[in-house]
Amino acid sequence: MDQDKIKQEVENLRVFFQKDGGDIELIQTNEEDEVYLKLKGQCRVCPVNKDITGEGVEAILKEKVPEVKRVYLDKG
C-alpha cells in the first residue's frame, strides 16, 4: 500500500474536518492494508454517527487508494 498516498489523502480530508472544529489523524497502517485513523476536536463529540463518518472516510480512501482493505476510526 502506498503510504505517501494514504498520508496525502488523509491531509486532504483534514480540511473538511477542520472546518467544523475537528480534525482527523493517521495513526498507522499495516501489512493487511488496514488504515487506523483518529477523530480529534469537535469530531469526537459530534452528533453525526461515527459509523456514517467512518463509512464515508473509508469509501473515499478506498476510491483514492484501491489497495486499502479496511479503515478503522477511533472516536475516543
PDB file of N, CA and C in Angstrom:
ATOM      1  N   MET A   1       0.851  -1.173   0.000  1.00  0.00           N
ATOM      2  CA  MET A   1       0.000   0.000   0.000  1.00  0.00           C
ATOM      3  C   MET A   1       0.900   1.241   0.000  1.00  0.00           C
ATOM      4  N   ASP A   2       0.528   2.230  -0.760  1.00  0.00           N
ATOM      5  CA  ASP A   2       1.305   3.454  -0.911  1.00  0.00           C
ATOM      6  C   ASP A   2       1.103   4.378   0.297  1.00  0.00           C
ATOM      7  N   GLN A   3       2.060   4.370   1.211  1.00  0.00           N
ATOM      8  CA  GLN A   3       1.969   5.156   2.447  1.00  0.00           C
ATOM      9  C   GLN A   3       1.861   6.655   2.160  1.00  0.00           C
ATOM     10  N   ASP A   4       2.613   7.120   1.183  1.00  0.00           N
ATOM     11  CA  ASP A   4       2.579   8.546   0.860  1.00  0.00           C
ATOM     12  C   ASP A   4       1.212   8.964   0.336  1.00  0.00           C
ATOM     13  N   LYS A   5       0.602   8.106  -0.454  1.00  0.00           N
ATOM     14  CA  LYS A   5      -0.729   8.398  -0.986  1.00  0.00           C
ATOM     15  C   LYS A   5      -1.759   8.431   0.150  1.00  0.00           C
ATOM     16  N   ILE A   6      -1.665   7.495   1.077  1.00  0.00           N
ATOM     17  CA  ILE A   6      -2.570   7.477   2.235  1.00  0.00           C
ATOM     18  C   ILE A   6      -2.412   8.783   3.023  1.00  0.00           C
ATOM     19  N   LYS A   7      -1.172   9.164   3.319  1.00  0.00           N
ATOM     20  CA  LYS A   7      -0.921  10.392   4.073  1.00  0.00           C
ATOM     21  C   LYS A   7      -1.511  11.601   3.349  1.00  0.00           C
ATOM     22  N   GLN A   8      -1.326  11.655   2.043  1.00  0.00           N
ATOM     23  CA  GLN A   8      -1.846  12.780   1.264  1.00  0.00           C
ATOM     24  C   GLN A   8      -3.373  12.833   1.308  1.00  0.00           C
ATOM     25  N   GLU A   9      -4.005  11.691   1.168  1.00  0.00           N
ATOM     26  CA  GLU A   9      -5.473  11.661   1.187  1.00  0.00           C
ATOM     27  C   GLU A   9      -6.029  12.026   2.560  1.00  0.00           C
ATOM     28  N   VAL A  10      -5.357  11.603   3.626  1.00  0.00           N
ATOM     29  CA  VAL A  10      -5.791  11.991   4.970  1.00  0.00           C
ATOM     30  C   VAL A  10      -5.631  13.503   5.133  1.00  0.00           C
ATOM     31  N   GLU A  11      -4.540  14.053   4.627  1.00  0.00           N
ATOM     32  CA  GLU A  11      -4.350  15.506   4.672  1.00  0.00           C
ATOM     33  C   GLU A  11      -5.472  16.215   3.928  1.00  0.00           C
ATOM     34  N   ASN A  12      -5.878  15.684   2.789  1.00  0.00           N
ATOM     35  CA  ASN A  12      -6.984  16.270   2.026  1.00  0.00           C
ATOM     36  C   ASN A  12      -8.283  16.229   2.826  1.00  0.00           C
ATOM     37  N   LEU A  13      -8.526  15.134   3.541  1.00  0.00           N
ATOM     38  CA  LEU A  13      -9.735  15.002   4.359  1.00  0.00           C
ATOM     39  C   LEU A  13      -9.729  15.952   5.556  1.00  0.00           C
ATOM     40  N   ARG A  14      -8.553  16.231   6.091  1.00  0.00           N
ATOM     41  CA  ARG A  14      -8.436  17.077   7.281  1.00  0.00           C
ATOM     42  C   ARG A  14      -9.088  18.432   7.078  1.00  0.00           C
ATOM     43  N   VAL A  15      -8.991  18.963   5.892  1.00  0.00           N
ATOM     44  CA  VAL A  15      -9.567  20.279   5.596  1.00  0.00           C
ATOM     45  C   VAL A  15     -11.057  20.301   5.933  1.00  0.00           C
ATOM     46  N   PHE A  16     -11.772  19.257   5.557  1.00  0.00           N
ATOM     47  CA  PHE A  16     -13.209  19.188   5.801  1.00  0.00           C
ATOM     48  C   PHE A  16     -13.522  19.043   7.292  1.00  0.00           C
ATOM     49  N   PHE A  17     -12.741  18.252   7.982  1.00  0.00           N
ATOM     50  CA  PHE A  17     -12.960  18.071   9.415  1.00  0.00           C
ATOM     51  C   PHE A  17     -12.636  19.358  10.183  1.00  0.00           C
ATOM     52  N   GLN A  18     -11.586  20.042   9.772  1.00  0.00           N
ATOM     53  CA  GLN A  18     -11.162  21.256  10.462  1.00  0.00           C
ATOM     54  C   GLN A  18     -12.168  22.396  10.289  1.00  0.00           C
ATOM     55  N   LYS A  19     -12.924  22.391   9.212  1.00  0.00           N
ATOM     56  CA  LYS A  19     -13.947  23.424   9.004  1.00  0.00           C
ATOM     57  C   LYS A  19     -14.993  23.410  10.111  1.00  0.00           C
ATOM     58  N   ASP A  20     -15.204  22.247  10.711  1.00  0.00           N
ATOM     59  CA  ASP A  20     -16.201  22.097  11.766  1.00  0.00           C
ATOM     60  C   ASP A  20     -15.580  22.030  13.161  1.00  0.00           C
ATOM     61  N   GLY A  21     -14.323  22.447  13.290  1.00  0.00           N
ATOM     62  CA  GLY A  21     -13.684  22.466  14.600  1.00  0.00           C
ATOM     63  C   GLY A  21     -13.111  21.135  15.030  1.00  0.00           C
ATOM     64  N   GLY A  22     -12.980  20.218  14.103  1.00  0.00           N
ATOM     65  CA  GLY A  22     -12.425  18.911  14.429  1.00  0.00           C
ATOM     66  C   GLY A  22     -11.154  18.658  13.652  1.00  0.00           C
ATOM     67  N   ASP A  23     -10.775  17.412  13.615  1.00  0.00           N
ATOM     68  CA  ASP A  23      -9.590  17.007  12.864  1.00  0.00           C
ATOM     69  C   ASP A  23      -9.603  15.492  12.753  1.00  0.00           C
ATOM     70  N   ILE A  24      -8.763  14.997  11.888  1.00  0.00           N
ATOM     71  CA  ILE A  24      -8.588  13.551  11.732  1.00  0.00           C
ATOM     72  C   ILE A  24      -7.095  13.304  11.590  1.00  0.00           C
ATOM     73  N   GLU A  25      -6.623  12.245  12.220  1.00  0.00           N
ATOM     74  CA  GLU A  25      -5.191  11.952  12.251  1.00  0.00           C
ATOM     75  C   GLU A  25      -4.940  10.515  11.818  1.00  0.00           C
ATOM     76  N   LEU A  26      -3.925  10.330  11.003  1.00  0.00           N
ATOM     77  CA  LEU A  26      -3.488   8.990  10.622  1.00  0.00           C
ATOM     78  C   LEU A  26      -2.667   8.422  11.773  1.00  0.00           C
ATOM     79  N   ILE A  27      -3.119   7.302  12.317  1.00  0.00           N
ATOM     80  CA  ILE A  27      -2.407   6.659  13.414  1.00  0.00           C
ATOM     81  C   ILE A  27      -1.400   5.648  12.873  1.00  0.00           C
ATOM     82  N   GLN A  28      -1.887   4.749  12.006  1.00  0.00           N
ATOM     83  CA  GLN A  28      -0.987   3.744  11.443  1.00  0.00           C
ATOM     84  C   GLN A  28      -1.653   3.024  10.279  1.00  0.00           C
ATOM     85  N   THR A  29      -0.831   2.325   9.543  1.00  0.00           N
ATOM     86  CA  THR A  29      -1.289   1.373   8.533  1.00  0.00           C
ATOM     87  C   THR A  29      -0.565   0.067   8.836  1.00  0.00           C
ATOM     88  N   ASN A  30      -1.047  -1.020   8.262  1.00  0.00           N
ATOM     89  CA  ASN A  30      -0.357  -2.287   8.499  1.00  0.00           C
ATOM     90  C   ASN A  30      -0.246  -3.109   7.221  1.00  0.00           C
ATOM     91  N   GLU A  31       0.390  -4.249   7.319  1.00  0.00           N
ATOM     92  CA  GLU A  31       0.620  -5.106   6.157  1.00  0.00           C
ATOM     93  C   GLU A  31      -0.647  -5.728   5.603  1.00  0.00           C
ATOM     94  N   GLU A  32      -1.722  -5.691   6.367  1.00  0.00           N
ATOM     95  CA  GLU A  32      -3.007  -6.217   5.896  1.00  0.00           C
ATOM     96  C   GLU A  32      -3.788  -5.144   5.130  1.00  0.00           C
ATOM     97  N   ASP A  33      -3.112  -4.029   4.800  1.00  0.00           N
ATOM     98  CA  ASP A  33      -3.718  -2.908   4.068  1.00  0.00           C
ATOM     99  C   ASP A  33      -4.876  -2.284   4.833  1.00  0.00           C
ATOM    100  N   GLU A  34      -4.725  -2.206   6.149  1.00  0.00           N
ATOM    101  CA  GLU A  34      -5.698  -1.560   7.014  1.00  0.00           C
ATOM    102  C   GLU A  34      -5.152  -0.196   7.434  1.00  0.00           C
ATOM    103  N   VAL A  35      -6.058   0.764   7.573  1.00  0.00           N
ATOM    104  CA  VAL A  35      -5.699   2.127   7.951  1.00  0.00           C
ATOM    105  C   VAL A  35      -6.399   2.453   9.267  1.00  0.00           C
ATOM    106  N   TYR A  36      -5.654   3.002  10.210  1.00  0.00           N
ATOM    107  CA  TYR A  36      -6.196   3.390  11.511  1.00  0.00           C
ATOM    108  C   TYR A  36      -6.134   4.909  11.634  1.00  0.00           C
ATOM    109  N   LEU A  37      -7.306   5.507  11.869  1.00  0.00           N
ATOM    110  CA  LEU A  37      -7.425   6.952  11.981  1.00  0.00           C
ATOM    111  C   LEU A  37      -8.048   7.318  13.321  1.00  0.00           C
ATOM    112  N   LYS A  38      -7.831   8.560  13.743  1.00  0.00           N
ATOM    113  CA  LYS A  38      -8.420   9.034  14.999  1.00  0.00           C
ATOM    114  C   LYS A  38      -9.085  10.379  14.757  1.00  0.00           C
ATOM    115  N   LEU A  39     -10.318  10.509  15.248  1.00  0.00           N
ATOM    116  CA  LEU A  39     -11.019  11.779  15.204  1.00  0.00           C
ATOM    117  C   LEU A  39     -10.567  12.620  16.386  1.00  0.00           C
ATOM    118  N   LYS A  40     -10.458  13.932  16.164  1.00  0.00           N
ATOM    119  CA  LYS A  40      -9.996  14.833  17.214  1.00  0.00           C
ATOM    120  C   LYS A  40     -10.899  16.058  17.275  1.00  0.00           C
ATOM    121  N   GLY A  41     -10.776  16.809  18.340  1.00  0.00           N
ATOM    122  CA  GLY A  41     -11.532  18.040  18.490  1.00  0.00           C
ATOM    123  C   GLY A  41     -13.028  17.792  18.542  1.00  0.00           C
ATOM    124  N   GLN A  42     -13.788  18.667  17.908  1.00  0.00           N
ATOM    125  CA  GLN A  42     -15.242  18.570  17.928  1.00  0.00           C
ATOM    126  C   GLN A  42     -15.743  17.274  17.305  1.00  0.00           C
ATOM    127  N   CYS A  43     -14.975  16.677  16.429  1.00  0.00           N
ATOM    128  CA  CYS A  43     -15.412  15.443  15.772  1.00  0.00           C
ATOM    129  C   CYS A  43     -15.584  14.289  16.761  1.00  0.00           C
ATOM    130  N   ARG A  44     -14.895  14.362  17.893  1.00  0.00           N
ATOM    131  CA  ARG A  44     -15.020  13.296  18.891  1.00  0.00           C
ATOM    132  C   ARG A  44     -16.402  13.277  19.523  1.00  0.00           C
ATOM    133  N   VAL A  45     -17.038  14.447  19.616  1.00  0.00           N
ATOM    134  CA  VAL A  45     -18.329  14.539  20.299  1.00  0.00           C
ATOM    135  C   VAL A  45     -19.468  14.924  19.355  1.00  0.00           C
ATOM    136  N   CYS A  46     -19.198  14.934  18.081  1.00  0.00           N
ATOM    137  CA  CYS A  46     -20.197  15.338  17.089  1.00  0.00           C
ATOM    138  C   CYS A  46     -21.388  14.375  17.115  1.00  0.00           C
ATOM    139  N   PRO A  47     -22.601  14.917  16.981  1.00  0.00           N
ATOM    140  CA  PRO A  47     -23.780  14.053  16.979  1.00  0.00           C
ATOM    141  C   PRO A  47     -23.914  13.196  15.719  1.00  0.00           C
ATOM    142  N   VAL A  48     -23.116  13.503  14.688  1.00  0.00           N
ATOM    143  CA  VAL A  48     -23.151  12.677  13.482  1.00  0.00           C
ATOM    144  C   VAL A  48     -22.638  11.291  13.858  1.00  0.00           C
ATOM    145  N   ASN A  49     -23.330  10.293  13.428  1.00  0.00           N
ATOM    146  CA  ASN A  49     -22.999   8.911  13.767  1.00  0.00           C
ATOM    147  C   ASN A  49     -21.580   8.551  13.330  1.00  0.00           C
ATOM    148  N   LYS A  50     -20.813   7.983  14.239  1.00  0.00           N
ATOM    149  CA  LYS A  50     -19.442   7.566  13.950  1.00  0.00           C
ATOM    150  C   LYS A  50     -19.397   6.591  12.782  1.00  0.00           C
ATOM    151  N   ASP A  51     -20.368   5.713  12.700  1.00  0.00           N
ATOM    152  CA  ASP A  51     -20.379   4.730  11.621  1.00  0.00           C
ATOM    153  C   ASP A  51     -20.551   5.399  10.263  1.00  0.00           C
ATOM    154  N   ILE A  52     -21.419   6.406  10.197  1.00  0.00           N
ATOM    155  CA  ILE A  52     -21.627   7.119   8.936  1.00  0.00           C
ATOM    156  C   ILE A  52     -20.346   7.843   8.536  1.00  0.00           C
ATOM    157  N   THR A  53     -19.732   8.542   9.488  1.00  0.00           N
ATOM    158  CA  THR A  53     -18.482   9.243   9.207  1.00  0.00           C
ATOM    159  C   THR A  53     -17.416   8.247   8.775  1.00  0.00           C
ATOM    160  N   GLY A  54     -17.302   7.142   9.503  1.00  0.00           N
ATOM    161  CA  GLY A  54     -16.302   6.119   9.178  1.00  0.00           C
ATOM    162  C   GLY A  54     -16.522   5.513   7.809  1.00  0.00           C
ATOM    163  N   GLU A  55     -17.774   5.248   7.462  1.00  0.00           N
ATOM    164  CA  GLU A  55     -18.074   4.683   6.147  1.00  0.00           C
ATOM    165  C   GLU A  55     -17.696   5.656   5.042  1.00  0.00           C
ATOM    166  N   GLY A  56     -17.947   6.940   5.259  1.00  0.00           N
ATOM    167  CA  GLY A  56     -17.600   7.947   4.262  1.00  0.00           C
ATOM    168  C   GLY A  56     -16.101   8.053   4.061  1.00  0.00           C
ATOM    169  N   VAL A  57     -15.365   8.103   5.161  1.00  0.00           N
ATOM    170  CA  VAL A  57     -13.905   8.180   5.091  1.00  0.00           C
ATOM    171  C   VAL A  57     -13.353   6.932   4.427  1.00  0.00           C
ATOM    172  N   GLU A  58     -13.870   5.774   4.806  1.00  0.00           N
ATOM    173  CA  GLU A  58     -13.407   4.518   4.217  1.00  0.00           C
ATOM    174  C   GLU A  58     -13.668   4.504   2.711  1.00  0.00           C
ATOM    175  N   ALA A  59     -14.840   4.942   2.295  1.00  0.00           N
ATOM    176  CA  ALA A  59     -15.172   4.952   0.866  1.00  0.00           C
ATOM    177  C   ALA A  59     -14.232   5.861   0.090  1.00  0.00           C
ATOM    178  N   ILE A  60     -13.941   7.028   0.645  1.00  0.00           N
ATOM    179  CA  ILE A  60     -13.035   7.960  -0.031  1.00  0.00           C
ATOM    180  C   ILE A  60     -11.638   7.372  -0.144  1.00  0.00           C
ATOM    181  N   LEU A  61     -11.121   6.821   0.961  1.00  0.00           N
ATOM    182  CA  LEU A  61      -9.765   6.259   0.921  1.00  0.00           C
ATOM    183  C   LEU A  61      -9.669   5.069  -0.026  1.00  0.00           C
ATOM    184  N   LYS A  62     -10.693   4.220  -0.038  1.00  0.00           N
ATOM    185  CA  LYS A  62     -10.682   3.063  -0.936  1.00  0.00           C
ATOM    186  C   LYS A  62     -10.746   3.504  -2.404  1.00  0.00           C
ATOM    187  N   GLU A  63     -11.453   4.585  -2.658  1.00  0.00           N
ATOM    188  CA  GLU A  63     -11.536   5.097  -4.026  1.00  0.00           C
ATOM    189  C   GLU A  63     -10.191   5.657  -4.476  1.00  0.00           C
ATOM    190  N   LYS A  64      -9.548   6.403  -3.590  1.00  0.00           N
ATOM    191  CA  LYS A  64      -8.286   7.062  -3.927  1.00  0.00           C
ATOM    192  C   LYS A  64      -7.093   6.112  -3.871  1.00  0.00           C
ATOM    193  N   VAL A  65      -7.154   5.132  -2.968  1.00  0.00           N
ATOM    194  CA  VAL A  65      -6.065   4.162  -2.792  1.00  0.00           C
ATOM    195  C   VAL A  65      -6.708   2.773  -2.769  1.00  0.00           C
ATOM    196  N   PRO A  66      -6.913   2.170  -3.942  1.00  0.00           N
ATOM    197  CA  PRO A  66      -7.661   0.909  -4.037  1.00  0.00           C
ATOM    198  C   PRO A  66      -7.101  -0.253  -3.208  1.00  0.00           C
ATOM    199  N   GLU A  67      -5.844  -0.175  -2.821  1.00  0.00           N
ATOM    200  CA  GLU A  67      -5.259  -1.258  -2.016  1.00  0.00           C
ATOM    201  C   GLU A  67      -5.831  -1.307  -0.598  1.00  0.00           C
ATOM    202  N   VAL A  68      -6.420  -0.216  -0.126  1.00  0.00           N
ATOM    203  CA  VAL A  68      -6.969  -0.157   1.236  1.00  0.00           C
ATOM    204  C   VAL A  68      -8.094  -1.182   1.355  1.00  0.00           C
ATOM    205  N   LYS A  69      -7.960  -2.044   2.362  1.00  0.00           N
ATOM    206  CA  LYS A  69      -8.969  -3.087   2.601  1.00  0.00           C
ATOM    207  C   LYS A  69     -10.000  -2.671   3.641  1.00  0.00           C
ATOM    208  N   ARG A  70      -9.511  -1.928   4.677  1.00  0.00           N
ATOM    209  CA  ARG A  70     -10.384  -1.578   5.799  1.00  0.00           C
ATOM    210  C   ARG A  70      -9.853  -0.318   6.468  1.00  0.00           C
ATOM    211  N   VAL A  71     -10.781   0.509   6.968  1.00  0.00           N
ATOM    212  CA  VAL A  71     -10.411   1.715   7.708  1.00  0.00           C
ATOM    213  C   VAL A  71     -11.074   1.630   9.073  1.00  0.00           C
ATOM    214  N   TYR A  72     -10.274   1.821  10.109  1.00  0.00           N
ATOM    215  CA  TYR A  72     -10.768   1.832  11.485  1.00  0.00           C
ATOM    216  C   TYR A  72     -10.690   3.272  11.986  1.00  0.00           C
ATOM    217  N   LEU A  73     -11.791   3.742  12.571  1.00  0.00           N
ATOM    218  CA  LEU A  73     -11.888   5.114  13.030  1.00  0.00           C
ATOM    219  C   LEU A  73     -12.115   5.133  14.531  1.00  0.00           C
ATOM    220  N   ASP A  74     -11.145   5.713  15.254  1.00  0.00           N
ATOM    221  CA  ASP A  74     -11.229   5.828  16.704  1.00  0.00           C
ATOM    222  C   ASP A  74     -11.801   7.201  17.045  1.00  0.00           C
ATOM    223  N   LYS A  75     -12.929   7.213  17.688  1.00  0.00           N
ATOM    224  CA  LYS A  75     -13.598   8.463  18.032  1.00  0.00           C
ATOM    225  C   LYS A  75     -13.236   8.923  19.449  1.00  0.00           C
ATOM    226  N   GLY A  76     -12.523   8.101  20.172  1.00  0.00           N
ATOM    227  CA  GLY A  76     -12.219   8.441  21.566  1.00  0.00           C
ATOM    228  C   GLY A  76     -10.934   9.058  21.714  1.00  0.00           C
TER     229      GLY A  76
END
